[in-house]
């Protein structure tokens, strides 16, 4: 079993994409594969979801990154759903 502290080092949160606008209500988070692996690991995905839950965000969307660079989680940070 993977220690959650190890997974946290593999997942980067709130890493802005150069040139992207600041998030307002909705936040798109890219969960990338660990270097050398072709897919996002379940522990890395779980840690990203745990991070959102600890922030009291609601997951409203999920998709593969079009270029194959990972998975995009779409969070509602405010408003009726998260309120």
C-alpha atoms as a PDB file:
ATOM      1  CA  UNK A   1       0.000   0.000   0.000  1.00  0.00           C
ATOM      2  CA  UNK A   2       1.291   3.458  -0.875  1.00  0.00           C
ATOM      3  CA  UNK A   3       1.777   5.933   1.932  1.00  0.00           C
ATOM      4  CA  UNK A   4      -0.346   9.040   1.253  1.00  0.00           C
ATOM      5  CA  UNK A   5       2.630  11.316   1.978  1.00  0.00           C
ATOM      6  CA  UNK A   6       4.530   9.664  -0.902  1.00  0.00           C
ATOM      7  CA  UNK A   7       1.626  10.276  -3.269  1.00  0.00           C
ATOM      8  CA  UNK A   8       1.411  13.953  -2.326  1.00  0.00           C
ATOM      9  CA  UNK A   9       4.914  14.473  -3.673  1.00  0.00           C
ATOM     10  CA  UNK A  10       3.845  12.982  -7.020  1.00  0.00           C
ATOM     11  CA  UNK A  11       0.743  15.164  -7.497  1.00  0.00           C
ATOM     12  CA  UNK A  12       1.067  18.883  -8.019  1.00  0.00           C
ATOM     13  CA  UNK A  13      -1.906  21.022  -7.104  1.00  0.00           C
ATOM     14  CA  UNK A  14      -2.738  24.433  -8.450  1.00  0.00           C
ATOM     15  CA  UNK A  15       0.081  24.361 -10.985  1.00  0.00           C
ATOM     16  CA  UNK A  16      -1.001  27.089 -13.399  1.00  0.00           C
ATOM     17  CA  UNK A  17      -0.614  26.451 -17.082  1.00  0.00           C
ATOM     18  CA  UNK A  18       1.406  29.315 -18.594  1.00  0.00           C
ATOM     19  CA  UNK A  19      -0.921  31.770 -20.322  1.00  0.00           C
ATOM     20  CA  UNK A  20      -4.097  30.405 -18.706  1.00  0.00           C
ATOM     21  CA  UNK A  21      -6.478  32.757 -16.885  1.00  0.00           C
ATOM     22  CA  UNK A  22      -6.855  32.658 -13.098  1.00  0.00           C
ATOM     23  CA  UNK A  23      -9.731  30.414 -11.972  1.00  0.00           C
ATOM     24  CA  UNK A  24     -12.914  32.053 -10.758  1.00  0.00           C
ATOM     25  CA  UNK A  25     -15.739  29.705  -9.761  1.00  0.00           C
ATOM     26  CA  UNK A  26     -14.492  26.674 -11.680  1.00  0.00           C
ATOM     27  CA  UNK A  27     -10.982  25.287 -11.491  1.00  0.00           C
ATOM     28  CA  UNK A  28      -9.420  22.839 -13.951  1.00  0.00           C
ATOM     29  CA  UNK A  29      -6.672  20.706 -12.411  1.00  0.00           C
ATOM     30  CA  UNK A  30      -4.338  18.567 -14.502  1.00  0.00           C
ATOM     31  CA  UNK A  31      -3.275  15.311 -12.867  1.00  0.00           C
ATOM     32  CA  UNK A  32      -0.236  14.127 -14.825  1.00  0.00           C
ATOM     33  CA  UNK A  33       1.333  10.681 -14.943  1.00  0.00           C
ATOM     34  CA  UNK A  34       4.402  10.157 -12.794  1.00  0.00           C
ATOM     35  CA  UNK A  35       7.556  10.596 -14.892  1.00  0.00           C
ATOM     36  CA  UNK A  36       8.279   7.438 -16.873  1.00  0.00           C
ATOM     37  CA  UNK A  37       4.742   6.047 -16.564  1.00  0.00           C
ATOM     38  CA  UNK A  38       2.221   6.190 -19.379  1.00  0.00           C
ATOM     39  CA  UNK A  39      -0.911   6.603 -17.293  1.00  0.00           C
ATOM     40  CA  UNK A  40      -2.115   8.437 -14.205  1.00  0.00           C
ATOM     41  CA  UNK A  41      -1.909   6.142 -11.190  1.00  0.00           C
ATOM     42  CA  UNK A  42      -4.980   5.511  -9.051  1.00  0.00           C
ATOM     43  CA  UNK A  43      -3.171   6.787  -5.907  1.00  0.00           C
ATOM     44  CA  UNK A  44      -2.278  10.045  -7.695  1.00  0.00           C
ATOM     45  CA  UNK A  45      -5.873  10.494  -8.855  1.00  0.00           C
ATOM     46  CA  UNK A  46      -7.188   9.689  -5.370  1.00  0.00           C
ATOM     47  CA  UNK A  47      -4.840  12.238  -3.782  1.00  0.00           C
ATOM     48  CA  UNK A  48      -6.020  14.920  -6.213  1.00  0.00           C
ATOM     49  CA  UNK A  49      -9.638  14.125  -5.305  1.00  0.00           C
ATOM     50  CA  UNK A  50      -8.776  14.146  -1.580  1.00  0.00           C
ATOM     51  CA  UNK A  51      -7.154  17.565  -2.013  1.00  0.00           C
ATOM     52  CA  UNK A  52     -10.349  18.890  -3.620  1.00  0.00           C
ATOM     53  CA  UNK A  53     -12.486  17.412  -0.859  1.00  0.00           C
ATOM     54  CA  UNK A  54     -10.280  18.963   1.849  1.00  0.00           C
ATOM     55  CA  UNK A  55     -10.761  22.299   0.073  1.00  0.00           C
ATOM     56  CA  UNK A  56     -14.569  21.760   0.134  1.00  0.00           C
ATOM     57  CA  UNK A  57     -14.708  21.764  -3.667  1.00  0.00           C
ATOM     58  CA  UNK A  58     -17.178  19.654  -5.678  1.00  0.00           C
ATOM     59  CA  UNK A  59     -15.958  17.598  -8.621  1.00  0.00           C
ATOM     60  CA  UNK A  60     -18.193  18.512 -11.568  1.00  0.00           C
ATOM     61  CA  UNK A  61     -16.231  17.111 -14.520  1.00  0.00           C
ATOM     62  CA  UNK A  62     -13.476  14.758 -15.525  1.00  0.00           C
ATOM     63  CA  UNK A  63     -11.822  14.213 -18.901  1.00  0.00           C
ATOM     64  CA  UNK A  64      -8.672  12.930 -20.534  1.00  0.00           C
ATOM     65  CA  UNK A  65      -6.279  15.734 -21.417  1.00  0.00           C
ATOM     66  CA  UNK A  66      -6.549  16.021 -25.224  1.00  0.00           C
ATOM     67  CA  UNK A  67      -2.776  15.746 -25.718  1.00  0.00           C
ATOM     68  CA  UNK A  68      -2.538  12.630 -23.565  1.00  0.00           C
ATOM     69  CA  UNK A  69      -0.762  14.421 -20.726  1.00  0.00           C
ATOM     70  CA  UNK A  70      -3.065  13.112 -17.973  1.00  0.00           C
ATOM     71  CA  UNK A  71      -6.546  13.671 -16.609  1.00  0.00           C
ATOM     72  CA  UNK A  72      -8.285  17.016 -16.089  1.00  0.00           C
ATOM     73  CA  UNK A  73     -10.507  17.361 -13.017  1.00  0.00           C
ATOM     74  CA  UNK A  74     -13.001  20.259 -13.072  1.00  0.00           C
ATOM     75  CA  UNK A  75     -13.867  21.599  -9.641  1.00  0.00           C
ATOM     76  CA  UNK A  76     -16.634  23.979  -8.515  1.00  0.00           C
ATOM     77  CA  UNK A  77     -14.932  26.112  -5.857  1.00  0.00           C
ATOM     78  CA  UNK A  78     -17.929  28.267  -4.911  1.00  0.00           C
ATOM     79  CA  UNK A  79     -21.593  28.822  -5.502  1.00  0.00           C
ATOM     80  CA  UNK A  80     -24.654  26.668  -4.949  1.00  0.00           C
ATOM     81  CA  UNK A  81     -22.994  23.291  -5.454  1.00  0.00           C
ATOM     82  CA  UNK A  82     -20.052  23.939  -3.120  1.00  0.00           C
ATOM     83  CA  UNK A  83     -21.817  26.300  -0.760  1.00  0.00           C
END
